[in-house]
Amino acid sequence: LIDDENLNVSVLVLYALGKLGGSIDLIEDKLNDAEPRVQAEAINALGLRGSTGSIKLIEKKLQSSDNPRVLGQCAATLAKLGSKSSIPLIERLLENSIPFVYKNAADALAILSKDIKYSRLYSGQLNDEEFFNKERSSMTN
């Protein structure tokens, strides 16, 4: 089922594997799936497992991907896992021009560092029409 042609099935199987503590090998294989949506759900599944090994796999994916959905999910999941050691990696995402990635990075850093300056980084963009136009276009890719 994890390799089903229907992406919704693959995504649900990954969620179940993460929630129920399924095979980390199956989840890890999906980090390199051709479909970014599946990769993002694999990252979420690793977050649901919550192990040190999961953090290392997510950090590795964060360093190797350029897909906005995947990068945003990496930042959000590392924050959920409380991975303070990931802060330097996530800080690099603040250089990303895609609003979804930037916002998730700023939110993750605010959570992990407990530093309000990161949430202000994003809130400073709230009135920037160009920023939100980029946001809309990045989410359609």
Protein backbone atom coordinates (compact mmCIF):
# COMPACT_ATOMS: atom_id res chain seq x y z
CA LEU A 1 0.00 0.00 0.00
CA ILE A 2 2.87 2.37 0.66
CA ASP A 3 3.71 2.33 -3.07
CA ASP A 4 0.11 2.77 -4.21
CA GLU A 5 -0.40 4.86 -7.35
CA ASN A 6 -2.90 6.94 -5.41
CA LEU A 7 -0.83 9.46 -3.45
CA ASN A 8 -3.54 9.75 -0.81
CA VAL A 9 -3.12 6.06 0.04
CA SER A 10 0.68 6.38 0.31
CA VAL A 11 0.33 9.45 2.51
CA LEU A 12 -2.15 7.71 4.83
CA VAL A 13 0.07 4.63 5.11
CA LEU A 14 3.05 6.82 6.02
CA TYR A 15 0.99 8.61 8.67
CA ALA A 16 -0.08 5.24 10.12
CA LEU A 17 3.50 3.96 10.13
CA GLY A 18 4.60 7.05 12.03
CA LYS A 19 1.72 6.99 14.47
CA LEU A 20 1.86 3.26 15.15
CA GLY A 21 5.65 2.94 15.22
CA GLY A 22 6.02 1.09 11.94
CA SER A 23 9.21 0.27 10.09
CA ILE A 24 11.60 3.20 10.00
CA ASP A 25 13.17 1.67 6.88
CA LEU A 26 9.89 1.95 4.96
CA ILE A 27 9.53 5.56 6.05
CA GLU A 28 13.15 6.37 5.22
CA ASP A 29 12.74 4.98 1.70
CA LYS A 30 9.93 7.45 1.06
CA LEU A 31 12.17 10.42 1.90
CA ASN A 32 13.48 10.05 -1.65
CA ASP A 33 10.14 9.50 -3.38
CA ALA A 34 9.67 11.41 -6.63
CA GLU A 35 6.59 13.15 -5.18
CA PRO A 36 7.33 15.97 -2.68
CA ARG A 37 4.00 15.39 -0.95
CA VAL A 38 5.08 11.84 -0.10
CA GLN A 39 8.50 13.07 1.05
CA ALA A 40 6.83 15.63 3.32
CA GLU A 41 4.57 12.97 4.84
CA ALA A 42 7.59 10.72 5.41
CA ILE A 43 9.17 13.60 7.36
CA ASN A 44 5.97 13.97 9.37
CA ALA A 45 5.93 10.20 10.04
CA LEU A 46 9.51 10.40 11.33
CA GLY A 47 8.38 13.22 13.60
CA LEU A 48 5.57 11.08 14.94
CA ARG A 49 8.12 8.38 15.80
CA GLY A 50 10.23 10.95 17.63
CA SER A 51 13.60 9.24 17.86
CA THR A 52 17.14 10.59 17.63
CA GLY A 53 17.47 8.63 14.40
CA SER A 54 14.44 10.46 13.05
CA ILE A 55 16.04 13.83 13.76
CA LYS A 56 19.21 12.85 11.91
CA LEU A 57 17.22 11.69 8.86
CA ILE A 58 15.18 14.91 8.83
CA GLU A 59 18.31 17.06 9.15
CA LYS A 60 19.88 15.17 6.25
CA LYS A 61 16.79 15.76 4.11
CA LEU A 62 16.79 19.44 5.08
CA GLN A 63 20.33 19.76 3.75
CA SER A 64 19.66 17.91 0.49
CA SER A 65 16.25 19.16 -0.65
CA ASP A 66 15.26 22.32 -2.45
CA ASN A 67 11.52 21.64 -2.52
CA PRO A 68 9.51 24.22 -0.52
CA ARG A 69 7.00 21.69 0.81
CA VAL A 70 9.77 19.39 2.01
CA LEU A 71 11.85 22.20 3.54
CA GLY A 72 8.85 23.67 5.35
CA GLN A 73 7.89 20.26 6.72
CA CYS A 74 11.47 19.64 7.89
CA ALA A 75 11.49 22.90 9.85
CA ALA A 76 8.06 22.30 11.39
CA THR A 77 8.86 18.70 12.35
CA LEU A 78 12.23 19.53 13.89
CA ALA A 79 10.49 22.18 15.99
CA LYS A 80 7.84 19.69 17.05
CA LEU A 81 10.60 17.30 18.09
CA GLY A 82 12.32 20.06 20.10
CA SER A 83 15.59 19.61 18.24
CA LYS A 84 17.61 22.61 19.43
CA SER A 85 20.70 21.18 17.72
CA SER A 86 18.90 21.81 14.41
CA ILE A 87 18.72 25.58 14.93
CA PRO A 88 21.75 26.39 12.70
CA LEU A 89 20.27 24.33 9.85
CA ILE A 90 16.87 25.92 10.19
CA GLU A 91 18.38 29.42 10.35
CA ARG A 92 19.70 28.90 6.82
CA LEU A 93 16.11 28.60 5.62
CA LEU A 94 15.58 32.26 6.52
CA GLU A 95 17.55 33.03 3.36
CA ASN A 96 14.92 31.24 1.29
CA SER A 97 12.76 33.59 -0.79
CA ILE A 98 9.72 31.30 -0.70
CA PRO A 99 7.35 32.61 1.97
CA PHE A 100 6.08 29.18 3.09
CA VAL A 101 9.64 28.04 3.82
CA TYR A 102 10.60 31.34 5.46
CA LYS A 103 7.51 31.32 7.68
CA ASN A 104 7.98 27.72 8.80
CA ALA A 105 11.64 28.40 9.54
CA ALA A 106 10.84 31.55 11.55
CA ASP A 107 8.09 29.73 13.46
CA ALA A 108 10.37 26.75 14.16
CA LEU A 109 13.15 29.00 15.39
CA ALA A 110 10.77 30.91 17.64
CA ILE A 111 9.65 27.61 19.19
CA LEU A 112 13.11 26.09 19.54
CA SER A 113 14.97 29.16 20.74
CA LYS A 114 12.09 30.72 22.67
CA ASP A 115 13.28 33.98 21.09
CA ILE A 116 10.56 36.37 19.97
CA LYS A 117 12.83 37.93 17.35
CA TYR A 118 12.17 35.00 15.02
CA SER A 119 8.41 35.40 15.07
CA ARG A 120 8.91 39.12 14.47
CA LEU A 121 10.94 38.27 11.36
CA TYR A 122 7.85 36.80 9.80
CA SER A 123 5.37 39.30 11.20
CA GLY A 124 7.46 42.05 9.60
CA GLN A 125 6.35 40.65 6.26
CA LEU A 126 2.62 40.80 7.00
CA ASN A 127 1.91 43.95 5.00
CA ASP A 128 4.13 43.09 2.06
CA GLU A 129 1.87 42.30 -0.89
CA GLU A 130 4.76 40.89 -2.94
CA PHE A 131 5.55 38.47 -0.09
CA PHE A 132 2.04 37.04 -0.14
CA ASN A 133 1.94 36.87 -3.94
CA LYS A 134 5.07 34.71 -3.74
CA GLU A 135 3.37 32.64 -1.04
CA ARG A 136 0.41 31.89 -3.27
CA SER A 137 2.58 31.01 -6.26
CA SER A 138 4.92 28.79 -4.21
CA MET A 139 2.03 26.72 -2.89
CA THR A 140 0.80 25.88 -6.39
CA ASN A 141 4.13 24.22 -7.29
